[in-house]
Amino acid sequence: MYECRNAGNKFRPVTSIVEKAFYVFLIALSIFILGVQIGIKHGRELQKEDICIEYGYCLPN
């Protein structure tokens, strides 16, 4: 998985392109999931507002 090579006096792990792509995929997936959660929260707030307007019954938090 990791291989250390001597580059001067610094040791750096050598990562494959597949591993970097996997990390990019995980970051993109986490951003997408966060966006979905924020959208769900916003939709529920709008739903409460619509019920209040349509039926005149305001739901408490």
N, C-alpha and C. Protein backbone atom coordinates (compact mmCIF):
# COMPACT_ATOMS: atom_id res chain seq x y z
N MET A 1 0.83 -1.18 0.00
CA MET A 1 0.00 0.00 0.00
C MET A 1 0.87 1.25 0.00
N TYR A 2 1.69 1.40 0.98
CA TYR A 2 2.60 2.54 1.03
C TYR A 2 4.04 2.05 0.89
N GLU A 3 4.81 2.81 0.19
CA GLU A 3 6.21 2.48 0.02
C GLU A 3 6.98 3.77 0.24
N CYS A 4 7.97 3.73 1.09
CA CYS A 4 8.74 4.93 1.37
C CYS A 4 10.00 4.94 0.52
N ARG A 5 10.24 6.05 -0.13
CA ARG A 5 11.45 6.22 -0.92
C ARG A 5 12.21 7.42 -0.39
N ASN A 6 13.49 7.34 -0.48
CA ASN A 6 14.33 8.42 0.01
C ASN A 6 14.45 9.48 -1.09
N ALA A 7 13.88 10.66 -0.85
CA ALA A 7 13.97 11.78 -1.78
C ALA A 7 14.76 12.88 -1.08
N GLY A 8 16.04 12.82 -1.22
CA GLY A 8 16.88 13.75 -0.43
C GLY A 8 16.94 13.21 0.98
N ASN A 9 16.57 14.03 1.91
CA ASN A 9 16.48 13.59 3.31
C ASN A 9 15.04 13.45 3.76
N LYS A 10 14.11 13.47 2.82
CA LYS A 10 12.69 13.38 3.16
C LYS A 10 12.14 12.05 2.68
N PHE A 11 11.34 11.43 3.51
CA PHE A 11 10.66 10.20 3.15
C PHE A 11 9.21 10.53 2.85
N ARG A 12 8.74 10.16 1.65
CA ARG A 12 7.36 10.40 1.26
C ARG A 12 6.71 9.08 0.88
N PRO A 13 5.45 8.89 1.28
CA PRO A 13 4.76 7.68 0.83
C PRO A 13 4.39 7.81 -0.64
N VAL A 14 4.57 6.73 -1.37
CA VAL A 14 4.21 6.70 -2.78
C VAL A 14 2.83 6.07 -2.88
N THR A 15 1.87 6.85 -3.39
CA THR A 15 0.50 6.35 -3.51
C THR A 15 0.17 6.13 -4.98
N SER A 16 -0.64 5.17 -5.22
CA SER A 16 -1.04 4.88 -6.60
C SER A 16 -2.16 5.81 -7.03
N ILE A 17 -2.38 5.89 -8.31
CA ILE A 17 -3.44 6.75 -8.84
C ILE A 17 -4.80 6.21 -8.47
N VAL A 18 -4.93 4.91 -8.31
CA VAL A 18 -6.21 4.32 -7.91
C VAL A 18 -6.54 4.74 -6.48
N GLU A 19 -5.55 4.76 -5.63
CA GLU A 19 -5.77 5.17 -4.25
C GLU A 19 -6.16 6.64 -4.17
N LYS A 20 -5.53 7.48 -4.97
CA LYS A 20 -5.88 8.90 -4.99
C LYS A 20 -7.30 9.09 -5.53
N ALA A 21 -7.66 8.34 -6.55
CA ALA A 21 -9.01 8.42 -7.11
C ALA A 21 -10.05 7.97 -6.07
N PHE A 22 -9.70 6.97 -5.28
CA PHE A 22 -10.60 6.50 -4.23
C PHE A 22 -10.83 7.59 -3.20
N TYR A 23 -9.77 8.30 -2.79
CA TYR A 23 -9.91 9.39 -1.83
C TYR A 23 -10.74 10.52 -2.40
N VAL A 24 -10.56 10.85 -3.66
CA VAL A 24 -11.36 11.89 -4.30
C VAL A 24 -12.82 11.46 -4.35
N PHE A 25 -13.07 10.20 -4.65
CA PHE A 25 -14.43 9.67 -4.67
C PHE A 25 -15.07 9.77 -3.29
N LEU A 26 -14.35 9.42 -2.25
CA LEU A 26 -14.90 9.50 -0.89
C LEU A 26 -15.24 10.93 -0.50
N ILE A 27 -14.38 11.86 -0.87
CA ILE A 27 -14.64 13.27 -0.55
C ILE A 27 -15.87 13.76 -1.31
N ALA A 28 -15.97 13.43 -2.59
CA ALA A 28 -17.13 13.84 -3.38
C ALA A 28 -18.42 13.21 -2.84
N LEU A 29 -18.35 11.96 -2.43
CA LEU A 29 -19.52 11.29 -1.87
C LEU A 29 -19.96 11.95 -0.57
N SER A 30 -19.01 12.30 0.27
CA SER A 30 -19.38 12.95 1.54
C SER A 30 -19.99 14.32 1.31
N ILE A 31 -19.48 15.07 0.33
CA ILE A 31 -20.07 16.38 0.00
C ILE A 31 -21.50 16.20 -0.53
N PHE A 32 -21.72 15.18 -1.36
CA PHE A 32 -23.05 14.90 -1.89
C PHE A 32 -24.02 14.53 -0.77
N ILE A 33 -23.60 13.67 0.14
CA ILE A 33 -24.46 13.26 1.25
C ILE A 33 -24.79 14.46 2.14
N LEU A 34 -23.83 15.32 2.38
CA LEU A 34 -24.09 16.52 3.17
C LEU A 34 -25.12 17.41 2.47
N GLY A 35 -25.01 17.57 1.17
CA GLY A 35 -25.98 18.36 0.42
C GLY A 35 -27.37 17.78 0.48
N VAL A 36 -27.48 16.46 0.41
CA VAL A 36 -28.78 15.81 0.51
C VAL A 36 -29.39 16.05 1.88
N GLN A 37 -28.60 15.95 2.93
CA GLN A 37 -29.10 16.18 4.28
C GLN A 37 -29.59 17.61 4.46
N ILE A 38 -28.85 18.56 3.92
CA ILE A 38 -29.27 19.96 4.01
C ILE A 38 -30.56 20.17 3.22
N GLY A 39 -30.68 19.55 2.05
CA GLY A 39 -31.90 19.65 1.26
C GLY A 39 -33.11 19.06 1.96
N ILE A 40 -32.93 17.94 2.63
CA ILE A 40 -34.02 17.32 3.38
C ILE A 40 -34.48 18.24 4.50
N LYS A 41 -33.53 18.82 5.22
CA LYS A 41 -33.87 19.72 6.32
C LYS A 41 -34.64 20.93 5.80
N HIS A 42 -34.18 21.50 4.70
CA HIS A 42 -34.84 22.67 4.12
C HIS A 42 -36.25 22.30 3.63
N GLY A 43 -36.39 21.13 3.04
CA GLY A 43 -37.70 20.68 2.57
C GLY A 43 -38.69 20.49 3.70
N ARG A 44 -38.23 20.00 4.84
CA ARG A 44 -39.13 19.83 5.98
C ARG A 44 -39.58 21.18 6.52
N GLU A 45 -38.68 22.16 6.52
CA GLU A 45 -39.06 23.50 6.97
C GLU A 45 -40.11 24.09 6.02
N LEU A 46 -39.94 23.89 4.72
CA LEU A 46 -40.92 24.39 3.76
C LEU A 46 -42.25 23.67 3.91
N GLN A 47 -42.21 22.39 4.22
CA GLN A 47 -43.43 21.62 4.40
C GLN A 47 -44.23 22.15 5.60
N LYS A 48 -43.53 22.45 6.69
CA LYS A 48 -44.21 23.02 7.86
C LYS A 48 -44.83 24.37 7.52
N GLU A 49 -44.10 25.17 6.75
CA GLU A 49 -44.61 26.48 6.36
C GLU A 49 -45.84 26.34 5.47
N ASP A 50 -45.83 25.39 4.54
CA ASP A 50 -46.98 25.16 3.66
C ASP A 50 -48.21 24.71 4.45
N ILE A 51 -48.02 23.85 5.44
CA ILE A 51 -49.14 23.40 6.28
C ILE A 51 -49.72 24.58 7.04
N CYS A 52 -48.85 25.46 7.52
CA CYS A 52 -49.31 26.63 8.26
C CYS A 52 -50.13 27.55 7.36
N ILE A 53 -49.68 27.74 6.14
CA ILE A 53 -50.39 28.62 5.21
C ILE A 53 -51.70 27.99 4.75
N GLU A 54 -51.65 26.71 4.37
CA GLU A 54 -52.82 26.06 3.78
C GLU A 54 -53.92 25.79 4.79
N TYR A 55 -53.58 25.28 5.96
CA TYR A 55 -54.58 24.87 6.93
C TYR A 55 -54.71 25.82 8.11
N GLY A 56 -53.81 26.76 8.25
CA GLY A 56 -53.86 27.68 9.38
C GLY A 56 -53.42 27.06 10.69
N TYR A 57 -52.79 25.91 10.61
CA TYR A 57 -52.32 25.24 11.83
C TYR A 57 -50.79 25.24 11.81
N CYS A 58 -50.19 26.01 12.70
CA CYS A 58 -48.74 26.12 12.74
C CYS A 58 -48.17 25.09 13.70
N LEU A 59 -47.27 24.28 13.21
CA LEU A 59 -46.65 23.23 14.03
C LEU A 59 -45.51 23.81 14.85
N PRO A 60 -45.44 23.44 16.12
CA PRO A 60 -44.30 23.91 16.94
C PRO A 60 -43.02 23.17 16.55
N ASN A 61 -41.90 23.73 16.93
CA ASN A 61 -40.62 23.07 16.66
C ASN A 61 -40.54 21.88 17.51
